[in-house]
PDB file of all heavy atoms in Angstrom:
ATOM      1  N   THR A   1       4.249  10.044   6.787  1.00  0.00           N
ATOM      2  CA  THR A   1       3.024  10.788   6.501  1.00  0.00           C
ATOM      3  C   THR A   1       2.535  10.519   5.085  1.00  0.00           C
ATOM      4  O   THR A   1       1.340  10.305   4.863  1.00  0.00           O
ATOM      5  CB  THR A   1       3.261  12.292   6.695  1.00  0.00           C
ATOM      6  OG1 THR A   1       3.757  12.513   8.009  1.00  0.00           O
ATOM      7  CG2 THR A   1       1.980  13.082   6.509  1.00  0.00           C
ATOM      8  N   THR A   2       3.454  10.500   4.123  1.00  0.00           N
ATOM      9  CA  THR A   2       3.080  10.274   2.725  1.00  0.00           C
ATOM     10  C   THR A   2       2.454   8.897   2.539  1.00  0.00           C
ATOM     11  O   THR A   2       1.436   8.764   1.866  1.00  0.00           O
ATOM     12  CB  THR A   2       4.311  10.418   1.803  1.00  0.00           C
ATOM     13  OG1 THR A   2       4.876  11.708   1.992  1.00  0.00           O
ATOM     14  CG2 THR A   2       3.930  10.240   0.350  1.00  0.00           C
ATOM     15  N   THR A   3       3.033   7.867   3.145  1.00  0.00           N
ATOM     16  CA  THR A   3       2.477   6.526   2.977  1.00  0.00           C
ATOM     17  C   THR A   3       1.138   6.382   3.691  1.00  0.00           C
ATOM     18  O   THR A   3       0.242   5.705   3.195  1.00  0.00           O
ATOM     19  CB  THR A   3       3.461   5.442   3.466  1.00  0.00           C
ATOM     20  OG1 THR A   3       3.789   5.672   4.837  1.00  0.00           O
ATOM     21  CG2 THR A   3       4.708   5.423   2.621  1.00  0.00           C
ATOM     22  N   SER A   4       0.990   7.024   4.850  1.00  0.00           N
ATOM     23  CA  SER A   4      -0.286   6.936   5.565  1.00  0.00           C
ATOM     24  C   SER A   4      -1.407   7.640   4.814  1.00  0.00           C
ATOM     25  O   SER A   4      -2.510   7.116   4.694  1.00  0.00           O
ATOM     26  CB  SER A   4      -0.151   7.528   6.968  1.00  0.00           C
ATOM     27  OG  SER A   4       0.686   6.727   7.754  1.00  0.00           O
ATOM     28  N   ILE A   5      -1.122   8.830   4.295  1.00  0.00           N
ATOM     29  CA  ILE A   5      -2.141   9.584   3.561  1.00  0.00           C
ATOM     30  C   ILE A   5      -2.545   8.866   2.274  1.00  0.00           C
ATOM     31  O   ILE A   5      -3.714   8.867   1.899  1.00  0.00           O
ATOM     32  CB  ILE A   5      -1.637  11.010   3.254  1.00  0.00           C
ATOM     33  CG1 ILE A   5      -1.537  11.816   4.549  1.00  0.00           C
ATOM     34  CG2 ILE A   5      -2.532  11.719   2.247  1.00  0.00           C
ATOM     35  CD1 ILE A   5      -0.851  13.153   4.391  1.00  0.00           C
ATOM     36  N   ASN A   6      -1.586   8.230   1.615  1.00  0.00           N
ATOM     37  CA  ASN A   6      -1.835   7.575   0.327  1.00  0.00           C
ATOM     38  C   ASN A   6      -1.964   6.063   0.455  1.00  0.00           C
ATOM     39  O   ASN A   6      -1.740   5.334  -0.507  1.00  0.00           O
ATOM     40  CB  ASN A   6      -0.704   7.917  -0.653  1.00  0.00           C
ATOM     41  CG  ASN A   6      -0.653   9.388  -0.938  1.00  0.00           C
ATOM     42  OD1 ASN A   6      -1.535   9.933  -1.601  1.00  0.00           O
ATOM     43  ND2 ASN A   6       0.362  10.062  -0.429  1.00  0.00           N
ATOM     44  N   ARG A   7      -2.364   5.589   1.632  1.00  0.00           N
ATOM     45  CA  ARG A   7      -2.400   4.147   1.856  1.00  0.00           C
ATOM     46  C   ARG A   7      -3.364   3.414   0.938  1.00  0.00           C
ATOM     47  O   ARG A   7      -3.083   2.304   0.514  1.00  0.00           O
ATOM     48  CB  ARG A   7      -2.667   3.832   3.311  1.00  0.00           C
ATOM     49  CG  ARG A   7      -4.045   4.155   3.821  1.00  0.00           C
ATOM     50  CD  ARG A   7      -4.144   3.797   5.306  1.00  0.00           C
ATOM     51  NE  ARG A   7      -5.392   4.228   5.881  1.00  0.00           N
ATOM     52  CZ  ARG A   7      -5.582   5.411   6.443  1.00  0.00           C
ATOM     53  NH1 ARG A   7      -4.602   6.284   6.491  1.00  0.00           N
ATOM     54  NH2 ARG A   7      -6.751   5.731   6.951  1.00  0.00           N
ATOM     55  N   GLU A   8      -4.501   4.009   0.616  1.00  0.00           N
ATOM     56  CA  GLU A   8      -5.453   3.330  -0.266  1.00  0.00           C
ATOM     57  C   GLU A   8      -4.832   3.062  -1.632  1.00  0.00           C
ATOM     58  O   GLU A   8      -4.969   1.966  -2.174  1.00  0.00           O
ATOM     59  CB  GLU A   8      -6.735   4.137  -0.397  1.00  0.00           C
ATOM     60  CG  GLU A   8      -7.541   4.177   0.887  1.00  0.00           C
ATOM     61  CD  GLU A   8      -8.767   5.077   0.774  1.00  0.00           C
ATOM     62  OE1 GLU A   8      -9.059   5.567  -0.337  1.00  0.00           O
ATOM     63  OE2 GLU A   8      -9.420   5.275   1.803  1.00  0.00           O
ATOM     64  N   GLN A   9      -4.137   4.044  -2.177  1.00  0.00           N
ATOM     65  CA  GLN A   9      -3.483   3.878  -3.468  1.00  0.00           C
ATOM     66  C   GLN A   9      -2.395   2.803  -3.388  1.00  0.00           C
ATOM     67  O   GLN A   9      -2.286   1.957  -4.274  1.00  0.00           O
ATOM     68  CB  GLN A   9      -2.872   5.200  -3.934  1.00  0.00           C
ATOM     69  CG  GLN A   9      -2.162   5.094  -5.273  1.00  0.00           C
ATOM     70  CD  GLN A   9      -1.440   6.377  -5.661  1.00  0.00           C
ATOM     71  OE1 GLN A   9      -1.225   7.256  -4.841  1.00  0.00           O
ATOM     72  NE2 GLN A   9      -1.067   6.471  -6.915  1.00  0.00           N
ATOM     73  N   ILE A  10      -1.612   2.815  -2.331  1.00  0.00           N
ATOM     74  CA  ILE A  10      -0.543   1.833  -2.165  1.00  0.00           C
ATOM     75  C   ILE A  10      -1.118   0.429  -2.054  1.00  0.00           C
ATOM     76  O   ILE A  10      -0.626  -0.508  -2.686  1.00  0.00           O
ATOM     77  CB  ILE A  10       0.316   2.186  -0.929  1.00  0.00           C
ATOM     78  CG1 ILE A  10       1.044   3.519  -1.159  1.00  0.00           C
ATOM     79  CG2 ILE A  10       1.299   1.076  -0.612  1.00  0.00           C
ATOM     80  CD1 ILE A  10       1.701   4.096   0.082  1.00  0.00           C
ATOM     81  N   ILE A  11      -2.173   0.271  -1.280  1.00  0.00           N
ATOM     82  CA  ILE A  11      -2.798  -1.043  -1.092  1.00  0.00           C
ATOM     83  C   ILE A  11      -3.351  -1.567  -2.406  1.00  0.00           C
ATOM     84  O   ILE A  11      -3.153  -2.733  -2.758  1.00  0.00           O
ATOM     85  CB  ILE A  11      -3.898  -0.963  -0.011  1.00  0.00           C
ATOM     86  CG1 ILE A  11      -3.264  -0.706   1.359  1.00  0.00           C
ATOM     87  CG2 ILE A  11      -4.754  -2.212   0.009  1.00  0.00           C
ATOM     88  CD1 ILE A  11      -4.241  -0.271   2.430  1.00  0.00           C
ATOM     89  N   VAL A  12      -4.048  -0.716  -3.157  1.00  0.00           N
ATOM     90  CA  VAL A  12      -4.631  -1.122  -4.442  1.00  0.00           C
ATOM     91  C   VAL A  12      -3.532  -1.522  -5.432  1.00  0.00           C
ATOM     92  O   VAL A  12      -3.627  -2.550  -6.107  1.00  0.00           O
ATOM     93  CB  VAL A  12      -5.521   0.001  -5.026  1.00  0.00           C
ATOM     94  CG1 VAL A  12      -5.871  -0.263  -6.473  1.00  0.00           C
ATOM     95  CG2 VAL A  12      -6.778   0.153  -4.194  1.00  0.00           C
ATOM     96  N   LEU A  13      -2.476  -0.715  -5.512  1.00  0.00           N
ATOM     97  CA  LEU A  13      -1.395  -1.017  -6.457  1.00  0.00           C
ATOM     98  C   LEU A  13      -0.641  -2.282  -6.069  1.00  0.00           C
ATOM     99  O   LEU A  13      -0.273  -3.086  -6.932  1.00  0.00           O
ATOM    100  CB  LEU A  13      -0.432   0.165  -6.555  1.00  0.00           C
ATOM    101  CG  LEU A  13      -0.995   1.400  -7.247  1.00  0.00           C
ATOM    102  CD1 LEU A  13      -0.066   2.589  -7.055  1.00  0.00           C
ATOM    103  CD2 LEU A  13      -1.222   1.124  -8.723  1.00  0.00           C
ATOM    104  N   ALA A  14      -0.404  -2.486  -4.786  1.00  0.00           N
ATOM    105  CA  ALA A  14       0.276  -3.706  -4.343  1.00  0.00           C
ATOM    106  C   ALA A  14      -0.562  -4.934  -4.695  1.00  0.00           C
ATOM    107  O   ALA A  14      -0.033  -5.945  -5.170  1.00  0.00           O
ATOM    108  CB  ALA A  14       0.545  -3.650  -2.844  1.00  0.00           C
ATOM    109  N   ALA A  15      -1.865  -4.847  -4.512  1.00  0.00           N
ATOM    110  CA  ALA A  15      -2.744  -5.963  -4.865  1.00  0.00           C
ATOM    111  C   ALA A  15      -2.785  -6.178  -6.380  1.00  0.00           C
ATOM    112  O   ALA A  15      -2.739  -7.317  -6.849  1.00  0.00           O
ATOM    113  CB  ALA A  15      -4.153  -5.717  -4.328  1.00  0.00           C
ATOM    114  N   ARG A  16      -2.860  -5.104  -7.131  1.00  0.00           N
ATOM    115  CA  ARG A  16      -2.901  -5.205  -8.591  1.00  0.00           C
ATOM    116  C   ARG A  16      -1.640  -5.890  -9.137  1.00  0.00           C
ATOM    117  O   ARG A  16      -1.718  -6.703 -10.048  1.00  0.00           O
ATOM    118  CB  ARG A  16      -3.049  -3.826  -9.221  1.00  0.00           C
ATOM    119  CG  ARG A  16      -3.148  -3.882 -10.746  1.00  0.00           C
ATOM    120  CD  ARG A  16      -3.273  -2.519 -11.380  1.00  0.00           C
ATOM    121  NE  ARG A  16      -4.392  -1.786 -10.816  1.00  0.00           N
ATOM    122  CZ  ARG A  16      -4.436  -0.460 -10.702  1.00  0.00           C
ATOM    123  NH1 ARG A  16      -3.430   0.285 -11.117  1.00  0.00           N
ATOM    124  NH2 ARG A  16      -5.484   0.128 -10.182  1.00  0.00           N
ATOM    125  N   HIS A  17      -0.503  -5.555  -8.553  1.00  0.00           N
ATOM    126  CA  HIS A  17       0.766  -6.144  -9.002  1.00  0.00           C
ATOM    127  C   HIS A  17       1.093  -7.448  -8.270  1.00  0.00           C
ATOM    128  O   HIS A  17       2.157  -8.024  -8.502  1.00  0.00           O
ATOM    129  CB  HIS A  17       1.907  -5.145  -8.815  1.00  0.00           C
ATOM    130  CG  HIS A  17       1.835  -3.982  -9.747  1.00  0.00           C
ATOM    131  ND1 HIS A  17       2.114  -4.082 -11.086  1.00  0.00           N
ATOM    132  CD2 HIS A  17       1.488  -2.694  -9.529  1.00  0.00           C
ATOM    133  CE1 HIS A  17       1.971  -2.895 -11.655  1.00  0.00           C
ATOM    134  NE2 HIS A  17       1.577  -2.033 -10.723  1.00  0.00           N
ATOM    135  N   ARG A  18       0.181  -7.884  -7.408  1.00  0.00           N
ATOM    136  CA  ARG A  18       0.329  -9.132  -6.659  1.00  0.00           C
ATOM    137  C   ARG A  18       1.652  -9.176  -5.888  1.00  0.00           C
ATOM    138  O   ARG A  18       2.369 -10.167  -5.896  1.00  0.00           O
ATOM    139  CB  ARG A  18       0.174 -10.330  -7.576  1.00  0.00           C
ATOM    140  CG  ARG A  18      -1.188 -10.334  -8.287  1.00  0.00           C
ATOM    141  CD  ARG A  18      -1.393 -11.518  -9.187  1.00  0.00           C
ATOM    142  NE  ARG A  18      -1.237 -12.812  -8.551  1.00  0.00           N
ATOM    143  CZ  ARG A  18      -2.157 -13.444  -7.827  1.00  0.00           C
ATOM    144  NH1 ARG A  18      -3.333 -12.882  -7.637  1.00  0.00           N
ATOM    145  NH2 ARG A  18      -1.919 -14.617  -7.293  1.00  0.00           N
ATOM    146  N   MET A  19       1.929  -8.060  -5.226  1.00  0.00           N
ATOM    147  CA  MET A  19       3.157  -7.948  -4.441  1.00  0.00           C
ATOM    148  C   MET A  19       2.846  -8.121  -2.961  1.00  0.00           C
ATOM    149  O   MET A  19       2.062  -7.345  -2.404  1.00  0.00           O
ATOM    150  CB  MET A  19       3.808  -6.579  -4.647  1.00  0.00           C
ATOM    151  CG  MET A  19       4.409  -6.404  -6.003  1.00  0.00           C
ATOM    152  SD  MET A  19       5.316  -4.857  -6.127  1.00  0.00           S
ATOM    153  CE  MET A  19       6.563  -5.098  -4.898  1.00  0.00           C
ATOM    154  N   PRO A  20       3.447  -9.111  -2.325  1.00  0.00           N
ATOM    155  CA  PRO A  20       3.259  -9.220  -0.870  1.00  0.00           C
ATOM    156  C   PRO A  20       3.866  -7.990  -0.206  1.00  0.00           C
ATOM    157  O   PRO A  20       4.983  -7.584  -0.520  1.00  0.00           O
ATOM    158  CB  PRO A  20       4.015 -10.496  -0.499  1.00  0.00           C
ATOM    159  CG  PRO A  20       4.898 -10.797  -1.647  1.00  0.00           C
ATOM    160  CD  PRO A  20       4.325 -10.132  -2.857  1.00  0.00           C
ATOM    161  N   THR A  21       3.093  -7.389   0.685  1.00  0.00           N
ATOM    162  CA  THR A  21       3.512  -6.123   1.283  1.00  0.00           C
ATOM    163  C   THR A  21       3.257  -6.134   2.783  1.00  0.00           C
ATOM    164  O   THR A  21       2.197  -6.540   3.239  1.00  0.00           O
ATOM    165  CB  THR A  21       2.742  -4.951   0.637  1.00  0.00           C
ATOM    166  OG1 THR A  21       2.928  -5.020  -0.781  1.00  0.00           O
ATOM    167  CG2 THR A  21       3.229  -3.617   1.133  1.00  0.00           C
ATOM    168  N   VAL A  22       4.256  -5.665   3.527  1.00  0.00           N
ATOM    169  CA  VAL A  22       4.139  -5.526   4.976  1.00  0.00           C
ATOM    170  C   VAL A  22       3.990  -4.038   5.264  1.00  0.00           C
ATOM    171  O   VAL A  22       4.778  -3.221   4.792  1.00  0.00           O
ATOM    172  CB  VAL A  22       5.382  -6.090   5.700  1.00  0.00           C
ATOM    173  CG1 VAL A  22       5.271  -5.889   7.199  1.00  0.00           C
ATOM    174  CG2 VAL A  22       5.570  -7.558   5.362  1.00  0.00           C
ATOM    175  N   TYR A  23       2.966  -3.711   6.032  1.00  0.00           N
ATOM    176  CA  TYR A  23       2.647  -2.322   6.336  1.00  0.00           C
ATOM    177  C   TYR A  23       3.008  -2.000   7.778  1.00  0.00           C
ATOM    178  O   TYR A  23       3.064  -2.884   8.621  1.00  0.00           O
ATOM    179  CB  TYR A  23       1.158  -2.076   6.094  1.00  0.00           C
ATOM    180  CG  TYR A  23       0.750  -2.311   4.666  1.00  0.00           C
ATOM    181  CD1 TYR A  23       0.198  -3.519   4.262  1.00  0.00           C
ATOM    182  CD2 TYR A  23       0.956  -1.334   3.707  1.00  0.00           C
ATOM    183  CE1 TYR A  23      -0.155  -3.741   2.939  1.00  0.00           C
ATOM    184  CE2 TYR A  23       0.607  -1.554   2.385  1.00  0.00           C
ATOM    185  CZ  TYR A  23       0.056  -2.754   2.014  1.00  0.00           C
ATOM    186  OH  TYR A  23      -0.284  -2.963   0.704  1.00  0.00           O
ATOM    187  N   PRO A  24       3.210  -0.714   8.093  1.00  0.00           N
ATOM    188  CA  PRO A  24       3.670  -0.353   9.434  1.00  0.00           C
ATOM    189  C   PRO A  24       2.590  -0.332  10.514  1.00  0.00           C
ATOM    190  O   PRO A  24       2.910  -0.438  11.695  1.00  0.00           O
ATOM    191  CB  PRO A  24       4.252   1.047   9.246  1.00  0.00           C
ATOM    192  CG  PRO A  24       3.490   1.618   8.102  1.00  0.00           C
ATOM    193  CD  PRO A  24       3.202   0.455   7.198  1.00  0.00           C
ATOM    194  N   PHE A  25       1.334  -0.185  10.125  1.00  0.00           N
ATOM    195  CA  PHE A  25       0.275  -0.046  11.119  1.00  0.00           C
ATOM    196  C   PHE A  25      -0.928  -0.911  10.755  1.00  0.00           C
ATOM    197  O   PHE A  25      -1.183  -1.201   9.590  1.00  0.00           O
ATOM    198  CB  PHE A  25      -0.185   1.416  11.239  1.00  0.00           C
ATOM    199  CG  PHE A  25       0.914   2.362  11.618  1.00  0.00           C
ATOM    200  CD1 PHE A  25       1.342   3.330  10.741  1.00  0.00           C
ATOM    201  CD2 PHE A  25       1.509   2.277  12.868  1.00  0.00           C
ATOM    202  CE1 PHE A  25       2.361   4.207  11.082  1.00  0.00           C
ATOM    203  CE2 PHE A  25       2.525   3.149  13.225  1.00  0.00           C
ATOM    204  CZ  PHE A  25       2.948   4.108  12.332  1.00  0.00           C
TER     205      PHE A  25
END
């Protein structure tokens, strides 16, 4: 629930830090 609600923040931060990220949905 926490990751889904805050997905925009997670996506932006992963892109900013240039971290390849696999998401659940």
